[in-house]
Protein backbone atom coordinates (compact mmCIF):
# COMPACT_ATOMS: atom_id res chain seq x y z
CA UNK A 1 0.00 0.00 0.00
CA UNK A 2 1.31 3.43 -0.86
CA UNK A 3 0.83 6.60 1.12
CA UNK A 4 1.95 10.12 0.29
CA UNK A 5 5.43 8.91 -0.70
CA UNK A 6 5.39 6.50 -3.65
CA UNK A 7 7.19 3.18 -3.31
CA UNK A 8 10.31 3.30 -5.51
CA UNK A 9 10.39 0.89 -8.49
CA UNK A 10 13.51 -0.90 -7.16
CA UNK A 11 11.56 -1.78 -3.98
CA UNK A 12 8.45 -2.82 -5.94
CA UNK A 13 10.70 -5.15 -7.97
CA UNK A 14 11.32 -7.16 -4.75
CA UNK A 15 7.64 -8.08 -4.42
CA UNK A 16 7.20 -11.86 -4.00
CA UNK A 17 10.99 -12.37 -3.89
CA UNK A 18 13.08 -13.66 -1.00
CA UNK A 19 15.05 -10.93 0.77
CA UNK A 20 17.21 -10.84 3.89
CA UNK A 21 16.36 -8.34 6.62
CA UNK A 22 18.33 -7.25 9.68
CA UNK A 23 16.73 -5.14 12.38
CA UNK A 24 14.87 -5.08 15.68
CA UNK A 25 11.46 -6.47 16.65
CA UNK A 26 8.92 -3.85 17.67
CA UNK A 27 5.89 -5.35 19.47
CA UNK A 28 2.59 -3.73 18.53
CA UNK A 29 1.18 -4.53 21.98
CA UNK A 30 2.60 -4.67 25.50
CA UNK A 31 5.05 -7.57 25.96
CA UNK A 32 3.80 -9.66 28.91
CA UNK A 33 5.43 -13.01 28.04
CA UNK A 34 8.29 -14.25 25.88
CA UNK A 35 5.84 -14.74 22.99
CA UNK A 36 4.15 -11.92 21.12
CA UNK A 37 1.37 -11.57 18.54
CA UNK A 38 2.02 -9.79 15.22
CA UNK A 39 4.81 -7.24 15.41
CA UNK A 40 6.82 -4.88 13.27
CA UNK A 41 10.47 -5.17 12.28
CA UNK A 42 12.54 -1.98 12.24
CA UNK A 43 14.86 -2.78 9.34
CA UNK A 44 18.47 -1.69 8.93
CA UNK A 45 18.63 0.44 12.08
CA UNK A 46 21.78 -0.92 13.66
CA UNK A 47 23.26 2.50 14.41
CA UNK A 48 20.14 4.67 14.72
CA UNK A 49 17.90 4.68 17.79
CA UNK A 50 14.53 5.51 16.20
CA UNK A 51 12.78 4.03 13.19
CA UNK A 52 11.26 6.21 10.52
CA UNK A 53 7.95 4.99 9.12
CA UNK A 54 9.66 3.88 5.90
CA UNK A 55 12.02 1.61 7.87
CA UNK A 56 9.28 -0.59 9.29
CA UNK A 57 7.96 -3.91 8.02
CA UNK A 58 4.71 -5.15 9.59
CA UNK A 59 4.69 -8.90 10.27
CA UNK A 60 1.33 -10.61 9.76
CA UNK A 61 0.50 -13.97 11.33
CA UNK A 62 -2.59 -16.19 11.32
CA UNK A 63 -5.09 -15.44 14.15
CA UNK A 64 -3.86 -16.81 17.47
CA UNK A 65 -0.29 -17.43 16.27
CA UNK A 66 2.58 -15.89 18.24
CA UNK A 67 6.34 -15.76 17.88
CA UNK A 68 9.23 -15.54 20.32
CA UNK A 69 10.26 -11.96 21.16
CA UNK A 70 13.93 -11.03 20.81
CA UNK A 71 15.18 -7.76 22.28
CA UNK A 72 18.43 -7.80 20.30
CA UNK A 73 19.29 -7.55 16.61
CA UNK A 74 17.61 -10.23 14.52
CA UNK A 75 18.40 -11.51 11.04
CA UNK A 76 15.60 -12.88 8.90
CA UNK A 77 17.32 -14.87 6.15
CA UNK A 78 14.33 -15.44 3.85
CA UNK A 79 11.46 -13.03 4.25
CA UNK A 80 8.80 -12.79 1.57
PDB file of N, CA and C in Angstrom:
ATOM      1  N   UNK A   1       0.850  -1.177   0.000  1.00  0.00           N
ATOM      2  CA  UNK A   1       0.000   0.000   0.000  1.00  0.00           C
ATOM      3  C   UNK A   1       0.890   1.233   0.000  1.00  0.00           C
ATOM      4  N   UNK A   2       0.540   2.208  -0.785  1.00  0.00           N
ATOM      5  CA  UNK A   2       1.311   3.435  -0.864  1.00  0.00           C
ATOM      6  C   UNK A   2       0.584   4.565  -0.161  1.00  0.00           C
ATOM      7  N   UNK A   3       1.367   5.420   0.464  1.00  0.00           N
ATOM      8  CA  UNK A   3       0.826   6.599   1.118  1.00  0.00           C
ATOM      9  C   UNK A   3       1.188   7.819   0.297  1.00  0.00           C
ATOM     10  N   UNK A   4       1.588   8.878   0.973  1.00  0.00           N
ATOM     11  CA  UNK A   4       1.952  10.116   0.285  1.00  0.00           C
ATOM     12  C   UNK A   4       3.245   9.965  -0.510  1.00  0.00           C
ATOM     13  N   UNK A   5       4.160   9.128  -0.009  1.00  0.00           N
ATOM     14  CA  UNK A   5       5.425   8.913  -0.698  1.00  0.00           C
ATOM     15  C   UNK A   5       5.328   7.631  -1.516  1.00  0.00           C
ATOM     16  N   UNK A   6       5.500   7.710  -2.831  1.00  0.00           N
ATOM     17  CA  UNK A   6       5.391   6.502  -3.655  1.00  0.00           C
ATOM     18  C   UNK A   6       6.493   5.500  -3.330  1.00  0.00           C
ATOM     19  N   UNK A   7       6.196   4.232  -3.510  1.00  0.00           N
ATOM     20  CA  UNK A   7       7.192   3.179  -3.312  1.00  0.00           C
ATOM     21  C   UNK A   7       8.080   3.161  -4.548  1.00  0.00           C
ATOM     22  N   UNK A   8       9.407   3.266  -4.356  1.00  0.00           N
ATOM     23  CA  UNK A   8      10.311   3.302  -5.512  1.00  0.00           C
ATOM     24  C   UNK A   8      10.241   2.007  -6.327  1.00  0.00           C
ATOM     25  N   UNK A   9      10.442   2.082  -7.636  1.00  0.00           N
ATOM     26  CA  UNK A   9      10.391   0.894  -8.489  1.00  0.00           C
ATOM     27  C   UNK A   9      11.351  -0.217  -8.049  1.00  0.00           C
ATOM     28  N   UNK A  10      12.564   0.144  -7.554  1.00  0.00           N
ATOM     29  CA  UNK A  10      13.513  -0.903  -7.157  1.00  0.00           C
ATOM     30  C   UNK A  10      13.017  -1.672  -5.932  1.00  0.00           C
ATOM     31  N   UNK A  11      12.162  -1.064  -5.110  1.00  0.00           N
ATOM     32  CA  UNK A  11      11.556  -1.777  -3.978  1.00  0.00           C
ATOM     33  C   UNK A  11      10.382  -2.621  -4.487  1.00  0.00           C
ATOM     34  N   UNK A  12       9.567  -2.069  -5.368  1.00  0.00           N
ATOM     35  CA  UNK A  12       8.453  -2.823  -5.941  1.00  0.00           C
ATOM     36  C   UNK A  12       8.951  -4.075  -6.661  1.00  0.00           C
ATOM     37  N   UNK A  13      10.134  -4.008  -7.242  1.00  0.00           N
ATOM     38  CA  UNK A  13      10.699  -5.154  -7.968  1.00  0.00           C
ATOM     39  C   UNK A  13      10.998  -6.332  -7.027  1.00  0.00           C
ATOM     40  N   UNK A  14      11.062  -6.092  -5.728  1.00  0.00           N
ATOM     41  CA  UNK A  14      11.323  -7.157  -4.754  1.00  0.00           C
ATOM     42  C   UNK A  14      10.055  -7.902  -4.344  1.00  0.00           C
ATOM     43  N   UNK A  15       8.898  -7.442  -4.790  1.00  0.00           N
ATOM     44  CA  UNK A  15       7.636  -8.076  -4.424  1.00  0.00           C
ATOM     45  C   UNK A  15       7.659  -9.555  -4.793  1.00  0.00           C
ATOM     46  N   UNK A  16       7.272 -10.405  -3.827  1.00  0.00           N
ATOM     47  CA  UNK A  16       7.204 -11.863  -3.996  1.00  0.00           C
ATOM     48  C   UNK A  16       8.579 -12.522  -4.148  1.00  0.00           C
ATOM     49  N   UNK A  17       9.655 -11.800  -3.821  1.00  0.00           N
ATOM     50  CA  UNK A  17      10.995 -12.372  -3.886  1.00  0.00           C
ATOM     51  C   UNK A  17      11.552 -12.513  -2.473  1.00  0.00           C
ATOM     52  N   UNK A  18      12.424 -13.490  -2.280  1.00  0.00           N
ATOM     53  CA  UNK A  18      13.083 -13.665  -0.995  1.00  0.00           C
ATOM     54  C   UNK A  18      14.088 -12.539  -0.787  1.00  0.00           C
ATOM     55  N   UNK A  19      14.075 -11.958   0.399  1.00  0.00           N
ATOM     56  CA  UNK A  19      15.048 -10.929   0.767  1.00  0.00           C
ATOM     57  C   UNK A  19      15.529 -11.219   2.182  1.00  0.00           C
ATOM     58  N   UNK A  20      16.703 -10.719   2.530  1.00  0.00           N
ATOM     59  CA  UNK A  20      17.211 -10.840   3.894  1.00  0.00           C
ATOM     60  C   UNK A  20      17.023  -9.506   4.592  1.00  0.00           C
ATOM     61  N   UNK A  21      16.547  -9.556   5.842  1.00  0.00           N
ATOM     62  CA  UNK A  21      16.358  -8.336   6.622  1.00  0.00           C
ATOM     63  C   UNK A  21      17.106  -8.451   7.940  1.00  0.00           C
ATOM     64  N   UNK A  22      17.673  -7.340   8.376  1.00  0.00           N
ATOM     65  CA  UNK A  22      18.327  -7.251   9.676  1.00  0.00           C
ATOM     66  C   UNK A  22      17.712  -6.054  10.383  1.00  0.00           C
ATOM     67  N   UNK A  23      17.331  -6.241  11.648  1.00  0.00           N
ATOM     68  CA  UNK A  23      16.731  -5.137  12.379  1.00  0.00           C
ATOM     69  C   UNK A  23      16.323  -5.545  13.779  1.00  0.00           C
ATOM     70  N   UNK A  24      15.362  -4.840  14.333  1.00  0.00           N
ATOM     71  CA  UNK A  24      14.868  -5.079  15.683  1.00  0.00           C
ATOM     72  C   UNK A  24      13.369  -5.345  15.646  1.00  0.00           C
ATOM     73  N   UNK A  25      12.895  -6.231  16.518  1.00  0.00           N
ATOM     74  CA  UNK A  25      11.458  -6.471  16.649  1.00  0.00           C
ATOM     75  C   UNK A  25      10.827  -5.317  17.424  1.00  0.00           C
ATOM     76  N   UNK A  26       9.674  -4.902  16.994  1.00  0.00           N
ATOM     77  CA  UNK A  26       8.918  -3.850  17.673  1.00  0.00           C
ATOM     78  C   UNK A  26       7.522  -4.386  17.936  1.00  0.00           C
ATOM     79  N   UNK A  27       7.232  -4.836  19.169  1.00  0.00           N
ATOM     80  CA  UNK A  27       5.891  -5.347  19.467  1.00  0.00           C
ATOM     81  C   UNK A  27       4.846  -4.266  19.233  1.00  0.00           C
ATOM     82  N   UNK A  28       3.685  -4.671  18.744  1.00  0.00           N
ATOM     83  CA  UNK A  28       2.588  -3.726  18.528  1.00  0.00           C
ATOM     84  C   UNK A  28       1.659  -3.667  19.733  1.00  0.00           C
ATOM     85  N   UNK A  29       1.929  -4.521  20.722  1.00  0.00           N
ATOM     86  CA  UNK A  29       1.182  -4.534  21.978  1.00  0.00           C
ATOM     87  C   UNK A  29       2.190  -4.666  23.119  1.00  0.00           C
ATOM     88  N   UNK A  30       1.725  -4.521  24.333  1.00  0.00           N
ATOM     89  CA  UNK A  30       2.597  -4.673  25.497  1.00  0.00           C
ATOM     90  C   UNK A  30       3.125  -6.104  25.577  1.00  0.00           C
ATOM     91  N   UNK A  31       4.428  -6.250  25.846  1.00  0.00           N
ATOM     92  CA  UNK A  31       5.045  -7.572  25.957  1.00  0.00           C
ATOM     93  C   UNK A  31       4.867  -8.060  27.395  1.00  0.00           C
ATOM     94  N   UNK A  32       4.056  -9.118  27.578  1.00  0.00           N
ATOM     95  CA  UNK A  32       3.801  -9.663  28.909  1.00  0.00           C
ATOM     96  C   UNK A  32       4.442 -11.033  29.088  1.00  0.00           C
ATOM     97  N   UNK A  33       4.787 -11.698  27.988  1.00  0.00           N
ATOM     98  CA  UNK A  33       5.427 -13.010  28.036  1.00  0.00           C
ATOM     99  C   UNK A  33       6.559 -13.013  27.016  1.00  0.00           C
ATOM    100  N   UNK A  34       7.211 -14.160  26.850  1.00  0.00           N
ATOM    101  CA  UNK A  34       8.292 -14.247  25.880  1.00  0.00           C
ATOM    102  C   UNK A  34       7.769 -14.458  24.463  1.00  0.00           C
ATOM    103  N   UNK A  35       6.446 -14.569  24.315  1.00  0.00           N
ATOM    104  CA  UNK A  35       5.841 -14.741  22.993  1.00  0.00           C
ATOM    105  C   UNK A  35       4.932 -13.551  22.708  1.00  0.00           C
ATOM    106  N   UNK A  36       4.936 -13.101  21.476  1.00  0.00           N
ATOM    107  CA  UNK A  36       4.149 -11.922  21.120  1.00  0.00           C
ATOM    108  C   UNK A  36       3.287 -12.205  19.892  1.00  0.00           C
ATOM    109  N   UNK A  37       2.178 -11.476  19.756  1.00  0.00           N
ATOM    110  CA  UNK A  37       1.367 -11.567  18.540  1.00  0.00           C
ATOM    111  C   UNK A  37       2.056 -10.778  17.436  1.00  0.00           C
ATOM    112  N   UNK A  38       1.376 -10.509  16.325  1.00  0.00           N
ATOM    113  CA  UNK A  38       2.022  -9.785  15.224  1.00  0.00           C
ATOM    114  C   UNK A  38       2.814  -8.580  15.715  1.00  0.00           C
ATOM    115  N   UNK A  39       3.910  -8.315  15.013  1.00  0.00           N
ATOM    116  CA  UNK A  39       4.809  -7.235  15.412  1.00  0.00           C
ATOM    117  C   UNK A  39       5.295  -6.520  14.167  1.00  0.00           C
ATOM    118  N   UNK A  40       6.171  -5.570  14.372  1.00  0.00           N
ATOM    119  CA  UNK A  40       6.823  -4.879  13.266  1.00  0.00           C
ATOM    120  C   UNK A  40       8.318  -5.124  13.390  1.00  0.00           C
ATOM    121  N   UNK A  41       9.010  -5.063  12.281  1.00  0.00           N
ATOM    122  CA  UNK A  41      10.467  -5.172  12.281  1.00  0.00           C
ATOM    123  C   UNK A  41      11.010  -3.830  11.809  1.00  0.00           C
ATOM    124  N   UNK A  42      11.846  -3.198  12.635  1.00  0.00           N
ATOM    125  CA  UNK A  42      12.540  -1.979  12.236  1.00  0.00           C
ATOM    126  C   UNK A  42      13.786  -2.432  11.495  1.00  0.00           C
ATOM    127  N   UNK A  43      13.830  -2.212  10.210  1.00  0.00           N
ATOM    128  CA  UNK A  43      14.860  -2.779   9.342  1.00  0.00           C
ATOM    129  C   UNK A  43      16.043  -1.844   9.171  1.00  0.00           C
ATOM    130  N   UNK A  44      17.246  -2.419   9.252  1.00  0.00           N
ATOM    131  CA  UNK A  44      18.469  -1.690   8.933  1.00  0.00           C
ATOM    132  C   UNK A  44      18.792  -0.555   9.870  1.00  0.00           C
ATOM    133  N   UNK A  45      18.403  -0.657  11.129  1.00  0.00           N
ATOM    134  CA  UNK A  45      18.625   0.436  12.077  1.00  0.00           C
ATOM    135  C   UNK A  45      19.653   0.050  13.130  1.00  0.00           C
ATOM    136  N   UNK A  46      20.791  -0.442  12.703  1.00  0.00           N
ATOM    137  CA  UNK A  46      21.781  -0.922  13.661  1.00  0.00           C
ATOM    138  C   UNK A  46      22.496   0.211  14.373  1.00  0.00           C
ATOM    139  N   UNK A  47      22.554   1.385  13.791  1.00  0.00           N
ATOM    140  CA  UNK A  47      23.262   2.498  14.413  1.00  0.00           C
ATOM    141  C   UNK A  47      22.347   3.650  14.798  1.00  0.00           C
ATOM    142  N   UNK A  48      21.079   3.583  14.432  1.00  0.00           N
ATOM    143  CA  UNK A  48      20.145   4.667  14.719  1.00  0.00           C
ATOM    144  C   UNK A  48      19.134   4.221  15.771  1.00  0.00           C
ATOM    145  N   UNK A  49      18.803   5.094  16.708  1.00  0.00           N
ATOM    146  CA  UNK A  49      17.903   4.684  17.790  1.00  0.00           C
ATOM    147  C   UNK A  49      16.419   4.660  17.439  1.00  0.00           C
ATOM    148  N   UNK A  50      15.978   5.427  16.470  1.00  0.00           N
ATOM    149  CA  UNK A  50      14.534   5.514  16.196  1.00  0.00           C
ATOM    150  C   UNK A  50      14.254   5.159  14.744  1.00  0.00           C
ATOM    151  N   UNK A  51      13.166   4.449  14.544  1.00  0.00           N
ATOM    152  CA  UNK A  51      12.783   4.029  13.191  1.00  0.00           C
ATOM    153  C   UNK A  51      11.878   5.060  12.540  1.00  0.00           C
ATOM    154  N   UNK A  52      12.174   5.385  11.304  1.00  0.00           N
ATOM    155  CA  UNK A  52      11.264   6.205  10.518  1.00  0.00           C
ATOM    156  C   UNK A  52      10.194   5.275   9.959  1.00  0.00           C
ATOM    157  N   UNK A  53       9.067   5.816   9.583  1.00  0.00           N
ATOM    158  CA  UNK A  53       7.953   4.990   9.122  1.00  0.00           C
ATOM    159  C   UNK A  53       8.340   4.161   7.902  1.00  0.00           C
ATOM    160  N   UNK A  54       9.265   4.646   7.075  1.00  0.00           N
ATOM    161  CA  UNK A  54       9.658   3.882   5.896  1.00  0.00           C
ATOM    162  C   UNK A  54      10.745   2.849   6.186  1.00  0.00           C
ATOM    163  N   UNK A  55      11.066   2.643   7.456  1.00  0.00           N
ATOM    164  CA  UNK A  55      12.025   1.613   7.866  1.00  0.00           C
ATOM    165  C   UNK A  55      11.336   0.475   8.603  1.00  0.00           C
ATOM    166  N   UNK A  56      10.030   0.391   8.513  1.00  0.00           N
ATOM    167  CA  UNK A  56       9.278  -0.587   9.293  1.00  0.00           C
ATOM    168  C   UNK A  56       8.565  -1.569   8.376  1.00  0.00           C
ATOM    169  N   UNK A  57       8.666  -2.848   8.720  1.00  0.00           N
ATOM    170  CA  UNK A  57       7.956  -3.910   8.019  1.00  0.00           C
ATOM    171  C   UNK A  57       6.988  -4.524   9.018  1.00  0.00           C
ATOM    172  N   UNK A  58       5.706  -4.557   8.703  1.00  0.00           N
ATOM    173  CA  UNK A  58       4.711  -5.151   9.590  1.00  0.00           C
ATOM    174  C   UNK A  58       4.648  -6.651   9.313  1.00  0.00           C
ATOM    175  N   UNK A  59       4.735  -7.442  10.377  1.00  0.00           N
ATOM    176  CA  UNK A  59       4.694  -8.902  10.270  1.00  0.00           C
ATOM    177  C   UNK A  59       3.268  -9.360  10.533  1.00  0.00           C
ATOM    178  N   UNK A  60       2.690 -10.086   9.599  1.00  0.00           N
ATOM    179  CA  UNK A  60       1.334 -10.608   9.762  1.00  0.00           C
ATOM    180  C   UNK A  60       1.421 -12.099  10.060  1.00  0.00           C
ATOM    181  N   UNK A  61       0.564 -12.565  10.967  1.00  0.00           N
ATOM    182  CA  UNK A  61       0.495 -13.975  11.325  1.00  0.00           C
ATOM    183  C   UNK A  61      -0.961 -14.403  11.367  1.00  0.00           C
ATOM    184  N   UNK A  62      -1.215 -15.705  11.206  1.00  0.00           N
ATOM    185  CA  UNK A  62      -2.591 -16.188  11.319  1.00  0.00           C
ATOM    186  C   UNK A  62      -3.158 -15.875  12.709  1.00  0.00           C
ATOM    187  N   UNK A  63      -4.474 -15.720  12.843  1.00  0.00           N
ATOM    188  CA  UNK A  63      -5.088 -15.435  14.146  1.00  0.00           C
ATOM    189  C   UNK A  63      -4.650 -16.453  15.200  1.00  0.00           C
ATOM    190  N   UNK A  64      -4.259 -15.953  16.360  1.00  0.00           N
ATOM    191  CA  UNK A  64      -3.859 -16.812  17.471  1.00  0.00           C
ATOM    192  C   UNK A  64      -2.402 -17.233  17.453  1.00  0.00           C
ATOM    193  N   UNK A  65      -1.704 -17.036  16.337  1.00  0.00           N
ATOM    194  CA  UNK A  65      -0.294 -17.429  16.269  1.00  0.00           C
ATOM    195  C   UNK A  65       0.564 -16.371  16.945  1.00  0.00           C
ATOM    196  N   UNK A  66       1.631 -16.804  17.613  1.00  0.00           N
ATOM    197  CA  UNK A  66       2.581 -15.895  18.242  1.00  0.00           C
ATOM    198  C   UNK A  66       3.989 -16.282  17.808  1.00  0.00           C
ATOM    199  N   UNK A  67       4.942 -15.461  18.151  1.00  0.00           N
ATOM    200  CA  UNK A  67       6.339 -15.763  17.883  1.00  0.00           C
ATOM    201  C   UNK A  67       7.169 -15.331  19.079  1.00  0.00           C
ATOM    202  N   UNK A  68       8.347 -15.906  19.214  1.00  0.00           N
ATOM    203  CA  UNK A  68       9.231 -15.542  20.320  1.00  0.00           C
ATOM    204  C   UNK A  68       9.720 -14.109  20.117  1.00  0.00           C
ATOM    205  N   UNK A  69       9.783 -13.344  21.217  1.00  0.00           N
ATOM    206  CA  UNK A  69      10.260 -11.962  21.164  1.00  0.00           C
ATOM    207  C   UNK A  69      11.757 -11.931  21.455  1.00  0.00           C
ATOM    208  N   UNK A  70      12.497 -11.235  20.621  1.00  0.00           N
ATOM    209  CA  UNK A  70      13.935 -11.031  20.814  1.00  0.00           C
ATOM    210  C   UNK A  70      14.178  -9.542  21.000  1.00  0.00           C
ATOM    211  N   UNK A  71      14.930  -9.181  22.031  1.00  0.00           N
ATOM    212  CA  UNK A  71      15.178  -7.759  22.283  1.00  0.00           C
ATOM    213  C   UNK A  71      16.558  -7.329  21.781  1.00  0.00           C
ATOM    214  N   UNK A  72      17.140  -8.114  20.886  1.00  0.00           N
ATOM    215  CA  UNK A  72      18.435  -7.797  20.296  1.00  0.00           C
ATOM    216  C   UNK A  72      18.272  -7.822  18.776  1.00  0.00           C
ATOM    217  N   UNK A  73      19.328  -7.541  18.064  1.00  0.00           N
ATOM    218  CA  UNK A  73      19.294  -7.551  16.605  1.00  0.00           C
ATOM    219  C   UNK A  73      18.885  -8.929  16.118  1.00  0.00           C
ATOM    220  N   UNK A  74      18.004  -8.952  15.127  1.00  0.00           N
ATOM    221  CA  UNK A  74      17.606 -10.227  14.520  1.00  0.00           C
ATOM    222  C   UNK A  74      17.916 -10.188  13.029  1.00  0.00           C
ATOM    223  N   UNK A  75      18.166 -11.368  12.483  1.00  0.00           N
ATOM    224  CA  UNK A  75      18.404 -11.508  11.038  1.00  0.00           C
ATOM    225  C   UNK A  75      17.348 -12.472  10.519  1.00  0.00           C
ATOM    226  N   UNK A  76      16.611 -12.035   9.540  1.00  0.00           N
ATOM    227  CA  UNK A  76      15.602 -12.876   8.898  1.00  0.00           C
ATOM    228  C   UNK A  76      16.173 -13.251   7.529  1.00  0.00           C
ATOM    229  N   UNK A  77      16.610 -14.496   7.383  1.00  0.00           N
ATOM    230  CA  UNK A  77      17.319 -14.873   6.153  1.00  0.00           C
ATOM    231  C   UNK A  77      16.454 -14.964   4.902  1.00  0.00           C
ATOM    232  N   UNK A  78      15.188 -15.311   5.030  1.00  0.00           N
ATOM    233  CA  UNK A  78      14.331 -15.441   3.847  1.00  0.00           C
ATOM    234  C   UNK A  78      12.948 -14.907   4.161  1.00  0.00           C
ATOM    235  N   UNK A  79      12.765 -13.635   4.002  1.00  0.00           N
ATOM    236  CA  UNK A  79      11.455 -13.033   4.246  1.00  0.00           C
ATOM    237  C   UNK A  79      10.792 -12.762   2.907  1.00  0.00           C
ATOM    238  N   UNK A  80       9.507 -13.045   2.823  1.00  0.00           N
ATOM    239  CA  UNK A  80       8.798 -12.790   1.574  1.00  0.00           C
ATOM    240  C   UNK A  80       7.785 -11.670   1.815  1.00  0.00           C
TER     241      UNK A  80
END
